[in-house]
Each structure stands twice: as structure tokens, then as C-alpha cells.
């Protein structure tokens, strides 16, 4: 990952030993920090959620029957229970679920 949009990606004042690619202006940390829907922001939110909810890091993995290219599992700890649903394909999928709950984080990074 490049740090900025310069021709060297923010790594050196000399000639980089790896090619920077043609998309250095769009795909770099400096630019992605400004886009609250970028992959960088998604990673930050995932890490933040994991730190805020101990069940997501210390609880046992409990597989749930998965369908329609959606991987499902639960994590439960100290009275908190989380159902994690991961779409494993590039196309949108619908999760049929009749339980109660609240979406805490989505890859769309829309406000919850």
C-alpha cells in the first residue's frame, strides 16, 4: 500500500525498487483516509468493533448453517451474542434471518 500520491508512493526520495503501478494517485493511504467508504475505513471500523466487543475476539467460534454463499457463525461471551454473516461471492446476497438484532457494521459503511 502506498502512503501518498507521489510517484514514489511516499516511500523514498530515490527510485523505488518495486513498481508503483498506474493507480498510485487513487489508491494510497492519504487518499483513502478522506473516503469514509474506502477499504481502509472498513478495516479501521472492523478493528474498532473487535476491540469494543470482547466476544468477537475471545468467544468460541460457533458455526451456523450457511446458505446462499453466506458464511454464518456466532460468537457469544458474557451475555453478548453476535451473528457474523459474510458474503463469499462478488454478487449481493440476501440473508433470510428471523431473529432480533441490530446490524453493527456493513461493508457499505452506511450509518447504522
PDB file of N, CA and C in Angstrom:
ATOM      1  N   UNK A   1       0.847  -1.171   0.000  1.00  0.00           N
ATOM      2  CA  UNK A   1       0.000   0.000   0.000  1.00  0.00           C
ATOM      3  C   UNK A   1       0.892   1.234   0.000  1.00  0.00           C
ATOM      4  N   UNK A   2       0.599   2.120  -0.906  1.00  0.00           N
ATOM      5  CA  UNK A   2       1.388   3.349  -0.987  1.00  0.00           C
ATOM      6  C   UNK A   2       0.876   4.380   0.021  1.00  0.00           C
ATOM      7  N   UNK A   3       1.750   5.234   0.498  1.00  0.00           N
ATOM      8  CA  UNK A   3       1.381   6.221   1.509  1.00  0.00           C
ATOM      9  C   UNK A   3       0.735   7.466   0.917  1.00  0.00           C
ATOM     10  N   UNK A   4       1.210   7.892  -0.252  1.00  0.00           N
ATOM     11  CA  UNK A   4       0.657   9.112  -0.848  1.00  0.00           C
ATOM     12  C   UNK A   4       0.643   8.984  -2.369  1.00  0.00           C
ATOM     13  N   UNK A   5       0.220  10.062  -3.039  1.00  0.00           N
ATOM     14  CA  UNK A   5       0.032  10.039  -4.492  1.00  0.00           C
ATOM     15  C   UNK A   5       1.290  10.411  -5.280  1.00  0.00           C
ATOM     16  N   UNK A   6       2.406  10.583  -4.614  1.00  0.00           N
ATOM     17  CA  UNK A   6       3.625  10.929  -5.342  1.00  0.00           C
ATOM     18  C   UNK A   6       4.089   9.740  -6.174  1.00  0.00           C
ATOM     19  N   UNK A   7       4.975   9.996  -7.103  1.00  0.00           N
ATOM     20  CA  UNK A   7       5.454   8.928  -7.987  1.00  0.00           C
ATOM     21  C   UNK A   7       6.215   7.837  -7.233  1.00  0.00           C
ATOM     22  N   UNK A   8       6.690   8.150  -6.022  1.00  0.00           N
ATOM     23  CA  UNK A   8       7.405   7.158  -5.211  1.00  0.00           C
ATOM     24  C   UNK A   8       6.520   6.557  -4.122  1.00  0.00           C
ATOM     25  N   UNK A   9       5.268   6.965  -4.082  1.00  0.00           N
ATOM     26  CA  UNK A   9       4.330   6.418  -3.108  1.00  0.00           C
ATOM     27  C   UNK A   9       4.618   6.804  -1.673  1.00  0.00           C
ATOM     28  N   UNK A  10       5.497   7.780  -1.483  1.00  0.00           N
ATOM     29  CA  UNK A  10       5.821   8.223  -0.129  1.00  0.00           C
ATOM     30  C   UNK A  10       6.842   7.353   0.578  1.00  0.00           C
ATOM     31  N   UNK A  11       7.498   6.449  -0.150  1.00  0.00           N
ATOM     32  CA  UNK A  11       8.457   5.541   0.469  1.00  0.00           C
ATOM     33  C   UNK A  11       9.886   6.041   0.458  1.00  0.00           C
ATOM     34  N   UNK A  12      10.235   6.804  -0.547  1.00  0.00           N
ATOM     35  CA  UNK A  12      11.641   7.162  -0.714  1.00  0.00           C
ATOM     36  C   UNK A  12      11.777   8.451  -1.502  1.00  0.00           C
ATOM     37  N   UNK A  13      12.928   9.085  -1.390  1.00  0.00           N
ATOM     38  CA  UNK A  13      13.219  10.237  -2.252  1.00  0.00           C
ATOM     39  C   UNK A  13      13.987   9.762  -3.490  1.00  0.00           C
ATOM     40  N   UNK A  14      14.360   8.494  -3.476  1.00  0.00           N
ATOM     41  CA  UNK A  14      15.076   7.908  -4.608  1.00  0.00           C
ATOM     42  C   UNK A  14      14.132   7.156  -5.537  1.00  0.00           C
ATOM     43  N   UNK A  15      14.686   6.208  -6.247  1.00  0.00           N
ATOM     44  CA  UNK A  15      13.916   5.389  -7.186  1.00  0.00           C
ATOM     45  C   UNK A  15      13.399   4.146  -6.452  1.00  0.00           C
ATOM     46  N   UNK A  16      12.073   3.939  -6.396  1.00  0.00           N
ATOM     47  CA  UNK A  16      11.544   2.751  -5.720  1.00  0.00           C
ATOM     48  C   UNK A  16      11.998   1.476  -6.432  1.00  0.00           C
ATOM     49  N   UNK A  17      12.277   0.431  -5.683  1.00  0.00           N
ATOM     50  CA  UNK A  17      12.726  -0.820  -6.294  1.00  0.00           C
ATOM     51  C   UNK A  17      11.546  -1.666  -6.755  1.00  0.00           C
ATOM     52  N   UNK A  18      10.324  -1.357  -6.274  1.00  0.00           N
ATOM     53  CA  UNK A  18       9.115  -2.022  -6.759  1.00  0.00           C
ATOM     54  C   UNK A  18       8.313  -1.031  -7.611  1.00  0.00           C
ATOM     55  N   UNK A  19       7.638  -1.508  -8.638  1.00  0.00           N
ATOM     56  CA  UNK A  19       6.820  -0.601  -9.438  1.00  0.00           C
ATOM     57  C   UNK A  19       5.650  -0.061  -8.612  1.00  0.00           C
ATOM     58  N   UNK A  20       5.301   1.202  -8.821  1.00  0.00           N
ATOM     59  CA  UNK A  20       4.220   1.834  -8.073  1.00  0.00           C
ATOM     60  C   UNK A  20       2.853   1.568  -8.689  1.00  0.00           C
ATOM     61  N   UNK A  21       2.807   1.219  -9.957  1.00  0.00           N
ATOM     62  CA  UNK A  21       1.530   0.971 -10.618  1.00  0.00           C
ATOM     63  C   UNK A  21       0.944   2.241 -11.188  1.00  0.00           C
ATOM     64  N   UNK A  22      -0.056   2.079 -12.012  1.00  0.00           N
ATOM     65  CA  UNK A  22      -0.661   3.228 -12.692  1.00  0.00           C
ATOM     66  C   UNK A  22      -1.729   3.919 -11.850  1.00  0.00           C
ATOM     67  N   UNK A  23      -2.155   3.303 -10.740  1.00  0.00           N
ATOM     68  CA  UNK A  23      -3.240   3.869  -9.931  1.00  0.00           C
ATOM     69  C   UNK A  23      -2.756   4.480  -8.619  1.00  0.00           C
ATOM     70  N   UNK A  24      -1.486   4.873  -8.569  1.00  0.00           N
ATOM     71  CA  UNK A  24      -0.915   5.416  -7.339  1.00  0.00           C
ATOM     72  C   UNK A  24      -1.660   6.670  -6.864  1.00  0.00           C
ATOM     73  N   UNK A  25      -2.227   7.441  -7.776  1.00  0.00           N
ATOM     74  CA  UNK A  25      -2.936   8.664  -7.383  1.00  0.00           C
ATOM     75  C   UNK A  25      -4.263   8.362  -6.678  1.00  0.00           C
ATOM     76  N   UNK A  26      -4.887   7.255  -7.020  1.00  0.00           N
ATOM     77  CA  UNK A  26      -6.187   6.906  -6.424  1.00  0.00           C
ATOM     78  C   UNK A  26      -6.062   5.970  -5.236  1.00  0.00           C
ATOM     79  N   UNK A  27      -5.105   5.054  -5.274  1.00  0.00           N
ATOM     80  CA  UNK A  27      -5.014   4.025  -4.237  1.00  0.00           C
ATOM     81  C   UNK A  27      -3.779   4.230  -3.389  1.00  0.00           C
ATOM     82  N   UNK A  28      -3.954   5.072  -2.378  1.00  0.00           N
ATOM     83  CA  UNK A  28      -2.891   5.328  -1.413  1.00  0.00           C
ATOM     84  C   UNK A  28      -3.544   5.737  -0.097  1.00  0.00           C
ATOM     85  N   UNK A  29      -2.827   5.614   0.971  1.00  0.00           N
ATOM     86  CA  UNK A  29      -3.386   5.872   2.300  1.00  0.00           C
ATOM     87  C   UNK A  29      -3.911   7.302   2.414  1.00  0.00           C
ATOM     88  N   UNK A  30      -3.172   8.259   1.926  1.00  0.00           N
ATOM     89  CA  UNK A  30      -3.580   9.661   2.021  1.00  0.00           C
ATOM     90  C   UNK A  30      -4.953   9.892   1.387  1.00  0.00           C
ATOM     91  N   UNK A  31      -5.184   9.314   0.225  1.00  0.00           N
ATOM     92  CA  UNK A  31      -6.465   9.470  -0.474  1.00  0.00           C
ATOM     93  C   UNK A  31      -7.562   8.661   0.208  1.00  0.00           C
ATOM     94  N   UNK A  32      -7.278   7.422   0.592  1.00  0.00           N
ATOM     95  CA  UNK A  32      -8.287   6.562   1.213  1.00  0.00           C
ATOM     96  C   UNK A  32      -8.735   7.074   2.575  1.00  0.00           C
ATOM     97  N   UNK A  33      -7.862   7.799   3.288  1.00  0.00           N
ATOM     98  CA  UNK A  33      -8.244   8.386   4.579  1.00  0.00           C
ATOM     99  C   UNK A  33      -9.404   9.367   4.428  1.00  0.00           C
ATOM    100  N   UNK A  34      -9.498  10.007   3.284  1.00  0.00           N
ATOM    101  CA  UNK A  34     -10.542  11.009   3.046  1.00  0.00           C
ATOM    102  C   UNK A  34     -11.868  10.389   2.627  1.00  0.00           C
ATOM    103  N   UNK A  35     -11.852   9.147   2.188  1.00  0.00           N
ATOM    104  CA  UNK A  35     -13.060   8.461   1.708  1.00  0.00           C
ATOM    105  C   UNK A  35     -13.586   7.538   2.796  1.00  0.00           C
ATOM    106  N   UNK A  36     -14.646   7.965   3.485  1.00  0.00           N
ATOM    107  CA  UNK A  36     -15.176   7.205   4.612  1.00  0.00           C
ATOM    108  C   UNK A  36     -15.862   5.900   4.195  1.00  0.00           C
ATOM    109  N   UNK A  37     -15.894   5.612   2.903  1.00  0.00           N
ATOM    110  CA  UNK A  37     -16.424   4.336   2.411  1.00  0.00           C
ATOM    111  C   UNK A  37     -15.321   3.478   1.800  1.00  0.00           C
ATOM    112  N   UNK A  38     -14.074   3.801   2.069  1.00  0.00           N
ATOM    113  CA  UNK A  38     -12.949   3.065   1.498  1.00  0.00           C
ATOM    114  C   UNK A  38     -12.663   1.798   2.301  1.00  0.00           C
ATOM    115  N   UNK A  39     -11.872   0.925   1.722  1.00  0.00           N
ATOM    116  CA  UNK A  39     -11.457  -0.300   2.389  1.00  0.00           C
ATOM    117  C   UNK A  39     -10.643   0.013   3.646  1.00  0.00           C
ATOM    118  N   UNK A  40      -9.869   1.076   3.610  1.00  0.00           N
ATOM    119  CA  UNK A  40      -9.109   1.490   4.789  1.00  0.00           C
ATOM    120  C   UNK A  40     -10.051   1.785   5.956  1.00  0.00           C
ATOM    121  N   UNK A  41     -11.135   2.524   5.690  1.00  0.00           N
ATOM    122  CA  UNK A  41     -12.107   2.833   6.740  1.00  0.00           C
ATOM    123  C   UNK A  41     -12.818   1.583   7.225  1.00  0.00           C
ATOM    124  N   UNK A  42     -13.109   0.635   6.310  1.00  0.00           N
ATOM    125  CA  UNK A  42     -13.744  -0.616   6.726  1.00  0.00           C
ATOM    126  C   UNK A  42     -12.826  -1.357   7.693  1.00  0.00           C
ATOM    127  N   UNK A  43     -11.546  -1.487   7.374  1.00  0.00           N
ATOM    128  CA  UNK A  43     -10.608  -2.159   8.276  1.00  0.00           C
ATOM    129  C   UNK A  43     -10.547  -1.457   9.628  1.00  0.00           C
ATOM    130  N   UNK A  44     -10.521  -0.148   9.606  1.00  0.00           N
ATOM    131  CA  UNK A  44     -10.480   0.601  10.867  1.00  0.00           C
ATOM    132  C   UNK A  44     -11.721   0.326  11.717  1.00  0.00           C
ATOM    133  N   UNK A  45     -12.888   0.326  11.078  1.00  0.00           N
ATOM    134  CA  UNK A  45     -14.139   0.074  11.802  1.00  0.00           C
ATOM    135  C   UNK A  45     -14.196  -1.363  12.326  1.00  0.00           C
ATOM    136  N   UNK A  46     -13.702  -2.320  11.528  1.00  0.00           N
ATOM    137  CA  UNK A  46     -13.668  -3.713  11.986  1.00  0.00           C
ATOM    138  C   UNK A  46     -12.764  -3.867  13.209  1.00  0.00           C
ATOM    139  N   UNK A  47     -11.608  -3.248  13.181  1.00  0.00           N
ATOM    140  CA  UNK A  47     -10.686  -3.316  14.315  1.00  0.00           C
ATOM    141  C   UNK A  47     -11.298  -2.637  15.535  1.00  0.00           C
ATOM    142  N   UNK A  48     -11.929  -1.497  15.325  1.00  0.00           N
ATOM    143  CA  UNK A  48     -12.590  -0.771  16.414  1.00  0.00           C
ATOM    144  C   UNK A  48     -13.695  -1.628  17.042  1.00  0.00           C
ATOM    145  N   UNK A  49     -14.502  -2.285  16.211  1.00  0.00           N
ATOM    146  CA  UNK A  49     -15.582  -3.134  16.707  1.00  0.00           C
ATOM    147  C   UNK A  49     -15.024  -4.321  17.485  1.00  0.00           C
ATOM    148  N   UNK A  50     -13.981  -4.914  16.979  1.00  0.00           N
ATOM    149  CA  UNK A  50     -13.364  -6.057  17.661  1.00  0.00           C
ATOM    150  C   UNK A  50     -12.822  -5.662  19.034  1.00  0.00           C
ATOM    151  N   UNK A  51     -12.236  -4.479  19.138  1.00  0.00           N
ATOM    152  CA  UNK A  51     -11.729  -4.003  20.435  1.00  0.00           C
ATOM    153  C   UNK A  51     -12.871  -3.661  21.387  1.00  0.00           C
ATOM    154  N   UNK A  52     -13.972  -3.159  20.858  1.00  0.00           N
ATOM    155  CA  UNK A  52     -15.103  -2.742  21.693  1.00  0.00           C
ATOM    156  C   UNK A  52     -15.948  -3.921  22.176  1.00  0.00           C
ATOM    157  N   UNK A  53     -15.920  -5.027  21.451  1.00  0.00           N
ATOM    158  CA  UNK A  53     -16.754  -6.176  21.781  1.00  0.00           C
ATOM    159  C   UNK A  53     -15.878  -7.406  22.034  1.00  0.00           C
ATOM    160  N   UNK A  54     -15.571  -7.705  23.280  1.00  0.00           N
ATOM    161  CA  UNK A  54     -14.691  -8.838  23.586  1.00  0.00           C
ATOM    162  C   UNK A  54     -15.162 -10.164  22.983  1.00  0.00           C
ATOM    163  N   UNK A  55     -16.458 -10.349  22.839  1.00  0.00           N
ATOM    164  CA  UNK A  55     -16.972 -11.603  22.280  1.00  0.00           C
ATOM    165  C   UNK A  55     -16.412 -11.877  20.892  1.00  0.00           C
ATOM    166  N   UNK A  56     -16.087 -10.841  20.149  1.00  0.00           N
ATOM    167  CA  UNK A  56     -15.586 -11.040  18.788  1.00  0.00           C
ATOM    168  C   UNK A  56     -14.141 -11.523  18.745  1.00  0.00           C
ATOM    169  N   UNK A  57     -13.448 -11.467  19.863  1.00  0.00           N
ATOM    170  CA  UNK A  57     -12.062 -11.940  19.858  1.00  0.00           C
ATOM    171  C   UNK A  57     -11.803 -13.078  20.836  1.00  0.00           C
ATOM    172  N   UNK A  58     -12.585 -13.193  21.917  1.00  0.00           N
ATOM    173  CA  UNK A  58     -12.287 -14.231  22.912  1.00  0.00           C
ATOM    174  C   UNK A  58     -13.298 -15.371  22.927  1.00  0.00           C
ATOM    175  N   UNK A  59     -14.479 -15.165  22.403  1.00  0.00           N
ATOM    176  CA  UNK A  59     -15.514 -16.202  22.451  1.00  0.00           C
ATOM    177  C   UNK A  59     -15.232 -17.310  21.443  1.00  0.00           C
ATOM    178  N   UNK A  60     -15.798 -18.472  21.714  1.00  0.00           N
ATOM    179  CA  UNK A  60     -15.649 -19.603  20.797  1.00  0.00           C
ATOM    180  C   UNK A  60     -16.414 -19.373  19.504  1.00  0.00           C
ATOM    181  N   UNK A  61     -15.867 -19.883  18.436  1.00  0.00           N
ATOM    182  CA  UNK A  61     -16.492 -19.873  17.114  1.00  0.00           C
ATOM    183  C   UNK A  61     -17.586 -20.937  17.102  1.00  0.00           C
ATOM    184  N   UNK A  62     -18.822 -20.520  16.794  1.00  0.00           N
ATOM    185  CA  UNK A  62     -19.949 -21.442  16.726  1.00  0.00           C
ATOM    186  C   UNK A  62     -20.522 -21.394  15.310  1.00  0.00           C
ATOM    187  N   UNK A  63     -20.242 -22.398  14.483  1.00  0.00           N
ATOM    188  CA  UNK A  63     -20.748 -22.363  13.109  1.00  0.00           C
ATOM    189  C   UNK A  63     -22.278 -22.417  13.078  1.00  0.00           C
ATOM    190  N   UNK A  64     -22.848 -21.735  12.118  1.00  0.00           N
ATOM    191  CA  UNK A  64     -24.288 -21.731  11.890  1.00  0.00           C
ATOM    192  C   UNK A  64     -24.493 -22.220  10.459  1.00  0.00           C
ATOM    193  N   UNK A  65     -25.550 -22.974  10.227  1.00  0.00           N
ATOM    194  CA  UNK A  65     -25.784 -23.494   8.879  1.00  0.00           C
ATOM    195  C   UNK A  65     -25.816 -22.341   7.877  1.00  0.00           C
ATOM    196  N   UNK A  66     -24.965 -22.437   6.884  1.00  0.00           N
ATOM    197  CA  UNK A  66     -24.810 -21.375   5.887  1.00  0.00           C
ATOM    198  C   UNK A  66     -25.497 -21.766   4.590  1.00  0.00           C
ATOM    199  N   UNK A  67     -26.090 -20.765   3.934  1.00  0.00           N
ATOM    200  CA  UNK A  67     -26.763 -20.965   2.649  1.00  0.00           C
ATOM    201  C   UNK A  67     -26.531 -19.758   1.761  1.00  0.00           C
ATOM    202  N   UNK A  68     -26.765 -19.943   0.473  1.00  0.00           N
ATOM    203  CA  UNK A  68     -26.773 -18.844  -0.491  1.00  0.00           C
ATOM    204  C   UNK A  68     -25.452 -18.067  -0.502  1.00  0.00           C
ATOM    205  N   UNK A  69     -24.337 -18.776  -0.381  1.00  0.00           N
ATOM    206  CA  UNK A  69     -22.995 -18.172  -0.419  1.00  0.00           C
ATOM    207  C   UNK A  69     -22.726 -17.219   0.743  1.00  0.00           C
ATOM    208  N   UNK A  70     -23.455 -17.375   1.839  1.00  0.00           N
ATOM    209  CA  UNK A  70     -23.236 -16.552   3.034  1.00  0.00           C
ATOM    210  C   UNK A  70     -22.696 -17.453   4.136  1.00  0.00           C
ATOM    211  N   UNK A  71     -21.504 -17.134   4.619  1.00  0.00           N
ATOM    212  CA  UNK A  71     -20.906 -17.865   5.733  1.00  0.00           C
ATOM    213  C   UNK A  71     -21.429 -17.253   7.023  1.00  0.00           C
ATOM    214  N   UNK A  72     -22.003 -18.066   7.887  1.00  0.00           N
ATOM    215  CA  UNK A  72     -22.569 -17.591   9.151  1.00  0.00           C
ATOM    216  C   UNK A  72     -21.875 -18.260  10.329  1.00  0.00           C
ATOM    217  N   UNK A  73     -21.637 -17.467  11.359  1.00  0.00           N
ATOM    218  CA  UNK A  73     -21.171 -18.031  12.618  1.00  0.00           C
ATOM    219  C   UNK A  73     -21.555 -17.099  13.755  1.00  0.00           C
ATOM    220  N   UNK A  74     -21.550 -17.653  14.963  1.00  0.00           N
ATOM    221  CA  UNK A  74     -21.883 -16.883  16.161  1.00  0.00           C
ATOM    222  C   UNK A  74     -20.676 -16.820  17.077  1.00  0.00           C
ATOM    223  N   UNK A  75     -20.669 -15.769  17.861  1.00  0.00           N
ATOM    224  CA  UNK A  75     -19.729 -15.626  18.966  1.00  0.00           C
ATOM    225  C   UNK A  75     -20.540 -15.118  20.154  1.00  0.00           C
ATOM    226  N   UNK A  76     -20.430 -15.774  21.295  1.00  0.00           N
ATOM    227  CA  UNK A  76     -21.172 -15.368  22.490  1.00  0.00           C
ATOM    228  C   UNK A  76     -20.218 -15.319  23.678  1.00  0.00           C
ATOM    229  N   UNK A  77     -20.378 -14.250  24.483  1.00  0.00           N
ATOM    230  CA  UNK A  77     -19.495 -14.054  25.638  1.00  0.00           C
ATOM    231  C   UNK A  77     -20.161 -13.101  26.618  1.00  0.00           C
ATOM    232  N   UNK A  78     -20.202 -13.483  27.851  1.00  0.00           N
ATOM    233  CA  UNK A  78     -20.696 -12.629  28.943  1.00  0.00           C
ATOM    234  C   UNK A  78     -22.054 -11.995  28.622  1.00  0.00           C
ATOM    235  N   UNK A  79     -22.951 -12.786  28.058  1.00  0.00           N
ATOM    236  CA  UNK A  79     -24.294 -12.288  27.765  1.00  0.00           C
ATOM    237  C   UNK A  79     -24.448 -11.589  26.431  1.00  0.00           C
ATOM    238  N   UNK A  80     -23.378 -11.327  25.742  1.00  0.00           N
ATOM    239  CA  UNK A  80     -23.443 -10.716  24.406  1.00  0.00           C
ATOM    240  C   UNK A  80     -23.331 -11.817  23.357  1.00  0.00           C
ATOM    241  N   UNK A  81     -24.194 -11.746  22.342  1.00  0.00           N
ATOM    242  CA  UNK A  81     -24.132 -12.720  21.260  1.00  0.00           C
ATOM    243  C   UNK A  81     -24.113 -11.988  19.925  1.00  0.00           C
ATOM    244  N   UNK A  82     -23.219 -12.415  19.049  1.00  0.00           N
ATOM    245  CA  UNK A  82     -23.065 -11.793  17.737  1.00  0.00           C
ATOM    246  C   UNK A  82     -23.215 -12.855  16.656  1.00  0.00           C
ATOM    247  N   UNK A  83     -24.011 -12.544  15.655  1.00  0.00           N
ATOM    248  CA  UNK A  83     -24.099 -13.370  14.460  1.00  0.00           C
ATOM    249  C   UNK A  83     -23.318 -12.639  13.380  1.00  0.00           C
ATOM    250  N   UNK A  84     -22.318 -13.303  12.832  1.00  0.00           N
ATOM    251  CA  UNK A  84     -21.487 -12.721  11.779  1.00  0.00           C
ATOM    252  C   UNK A  84     -21.905 -13.364  10.467  1.00  0.00           C
ATOM    253  N   UNK A  85     -22.236 -12.530   9.480  1.00  0.00           N
ATOM    254  CA  UNK A  85     -22.657 -13.004   8.160  1.00  0.00           C
ATOM    255  C   UNK A  85     -21.686 -12.446   7.122  1.00  0.00           C
ATOM    256  N   UNK A  86     -21.040 -13.342   6.384  1.00  0.00           N
ATOM    257  CA  UNK A  86     -20.040 -12.938   5.403  1.00  0.00           C
ATOM    258  C   UNK A  86     -20.446 -13.432   4.019  1.00  0.00           C
ATOM    259  N   UNK A  87     -20.628 -12.507   3.097  1.00  0.00           N
ATOM    260  CA  UNK A  87     -20.911 -12.859   1.710  1.00  0.00           C
ATOM    261  C   UNK A  87     -19.605 -13.336   1.079  1.00  0.00           C
ATOM    262  N   UNK A  88     -19.600 -14.525   0.517  1.00  0.00           N
ATOM    263  CA  UNK A  88     -18.360 -15.099  -0.021  1.00  0.00           C
ATOM    264  C   UNK A  88     -18.236 -14.955  -1.536  1.00  0.00           C
ATOM    265  N   UNK A  89     -19.162 -14.235  -2.169  1.00  0.00           N
ATOM    266  CA  UNK A  89     -19.100 -14.035  -3.617  1.00  0.00           C
ATOM    267  C   UNK A  89     -19.188 -12.544  -3.930  1.00  0.00           C
ATOM    268  N   UNK A  90     -18.922 -12.168  -5.175  1.00  0.00           N
ATOM    269  CA  UNK A  90     -18.938 -10.759  -5.572  1.00  0.00           C
ATOM    270  C   UNK A  90     -20.347 -10.204  -5.740  1.00  0.00           C
ATOM    271  N   UNK A  91     -21.329 -11.048  -5.961  1.00  0.00           N
ATOM    272  CA  UNK A  91     -22.696 -10.581  -6.156  1.00  0.00           C
ATOM    273  C   UNK A  91     -23.401 -10.394  -4.808  1.00  0.00           C
ATOM    274  N   UNK A  92     -24.335  -9.452  -4.745  1.00  0.00           N
ATOM    275  CA  UNK A  92     -25.093  -9.258  -3.499  1.00  0.00           C
ATOM    276  C   UNK A  92     -25.881 -10.518  -3.143  1.00  0.00           C
ATOM    277  N   UNK A  93     -26.034 -10.773  -1.872  1.00  0.00           N
ATOM    278  CA  UNK A  93     -26.808 -11.891  -1.377  1.00  0.00           C
ATOM    279  C   UNK A  93     -27.767 -11.398  -0.312  1.00  0.00           C
ATOM    280  N   UNK A  94     -28.889 -12.099  -0.172  1.00  0.00           N
ATOM    281  CA  UNK A  94     -29.882 -11.762   0.838  1.00  0.00           C
ATOM    282  C   UNK A  94     -29.801 -12.789   1.951  1.00  0.00           C
ATOM    283  N   UNK A  95     -29.769 -12.315   3.174  1.00  0.00           N
ATOM    284  CA  UNK A  95     -29.753 -13.190   4.339  1.00  0.00           C
ATOM    285  C   UNK A  95     -31.166 -13.282   4.879  1.00  0.00           C
ATOM    286  N   UNK A  96     -31.737 -14.461   4.824  1.00  0.00           N
ATOM    287  CA  UNK A  96     -33.055 -14.698   5.422  1.00  0.00           C
ATOM    288  C   UNK A  96     -32.838 -15.078   6.876  1.00  0.00           C
ATOM    289  N   UNK A  97     -33.209 -14.177   7.757  1.00  0.00           N
ATOM    290  CA  UNK A  97     -33.000 -14.381   9.184  1.00  0.00           C
ATOM    291  C   UNK A  97     -34.173 -13.782   9.920  1.00  0.00           C
ATOM    292  N   UNK A  98     -34.767 -14.540  10.814  1.00  0.00           N
ATOM    293  CA  UNK A  98     -35.954 -14.058  11.518  1.00  0.00           C
ATOM    294  C   UNK A  98     -35.681 -13.708  12.975  1.00  0.00           C
ATOM    295  N   UNK A  99     -34.440 -13.589  13.348  1.00  0.00           N
ATOM    296  CA  UNK A  99     -34.088 -13.242  14.720  1.00  0.00           C
ATOM    297  C   UNK A  99     -34.130 -11.746  14.968  1.00  0.00           C
ATOM    298  N   UNK A 100     -33.926 -11.386  16.191  1.00  0.00           N
ATOM    299  CA  UNK A 100     -33.846  -9.982  16.579  1.00  0.00           C
ATOM    300  C   UNK A 100     -32.392  -9.556  16.582  1.00  0.00           C
ATOM    301  N   UNK A 101     -32.167  -8.280  16.429  1.00  0.00           N
ATOM    302  CA  UNK A 101     -30.802  -7.785  16.498  1.00  0.00           C
ATOM    303  C   UNK A 101     -30.634  -6.487  15.758  1.00  0.00           C
ATOM    304  N   UNK A 102     -29.404  -6.082  15.672  1.00  0.00           N
ATOM    305  CA  UNK A 102     -29.052  -4.802  15.059  1.00  0.00           C
ATOM    306  C   UNK A 102     -27.781  -5.001  14.244  1.00  0.00           C
ATOM    307  N   UNK A 103     -27.758  -4.452  13.047  1.00  0.00           N
ATOM    308  CA  UNK A 103     -26.549  -4.512  12.229  1.00  0.00           C
ATOM    309  C   UNK A 103     -25.541  -3.527  12.829  1.00  0.00           C
ATOM    310  N   UNK A 104     -24.365  -4.022  13.197  1.00  0.00           N
ATOM    311  CA  UNK A 104     -23.336  -3.177  13.788  1.00  0.00           C
ATOM    312  C   UNK A 104     -22.370  -2.618  12.756  1.00  0.00           C
ATOM    313  N   UNK A 105     -22.147  -3.383  11.682  1.00  0.00           N
ATOM    314  CA  UNK A 105     -21.210  -2.933  10.653  1.00  0.00           C
ATOM    315  C   UNK A 105     -21.536  -3.621   9.346  1.00  0.00           C
ATOM    316  N   UNK A 106     -21.485  -2.843   8.284  1.00  0.00           N
ATOM    317  CA  UNK A 106     -21.748  -3.342   6.945  1.00  0.00           C
ATOM    318  C   UNK A 106     -20.609  -2.911   6.046  1.00  0.00           C
ATOM    319  N   UNK A 107     -20.319  -3.673   5.012  1.00  0.00           N
ATOM    320  CA  UNK A 107     -19.257  -3.286   4.086  1.00  0.00           C
ATOM    321  C   UNK A 107     -19.625  -2.039   3.317  1.00  0.00           C
ATOM    322  N   UNK A 108     -20.900  -1.652   3.329  1.00  0.00           N
ATOM    323  CA  UNK A 108     -21.298  -0.386   2.693  1.00  0.00           C
ATOM    324  C   UNK A 108     -20.872   0.811   3.543  1.00  0.00           C
ATOM    325  N   UNK A 109     -20.538   0.552   4.804  1.00  0.00           N
ATOM    326  CA  UNK A 109     -20.148   1.597   5.759  1.00  0.00           C
ATOM    327  C   UNK A 109     -21.212   2.678   5.884  1.00  0.00           C
ATOM    328  N   UNK A 110     -22.458   2.269   5.692  1.00  0.00           N
ATOM    329  CA  UNK A 110     -23.563   3.204   5.899  1.00  0.00           C
ATOM    330  C   UNK A 110     -23.792   3.346   7.397  1.00  0.00           C
ATOM    331  N   UNK A 111     -24.465   4.373   7.765  1.00  0.00           N
ATOM    332  CA  UNK A 111     -24.692   4.621   9.191  1.00  0.00           C
ATOM    333  C   UNK A 111     -25.666   3.604   9.728  1.00  0.00           C
ATOM    334  N   UNK A 112     -25.336   3.029  10.853  1.00  0.00           N
ATOM    335  CA  UNK A 112     -26.177   2.004  11.485  1.00  0.00           C
ATOM    336  C   UNK A 112     -27.020   2.651  12.561  1.00  0.00           C
TER     337      UNK A 112
END
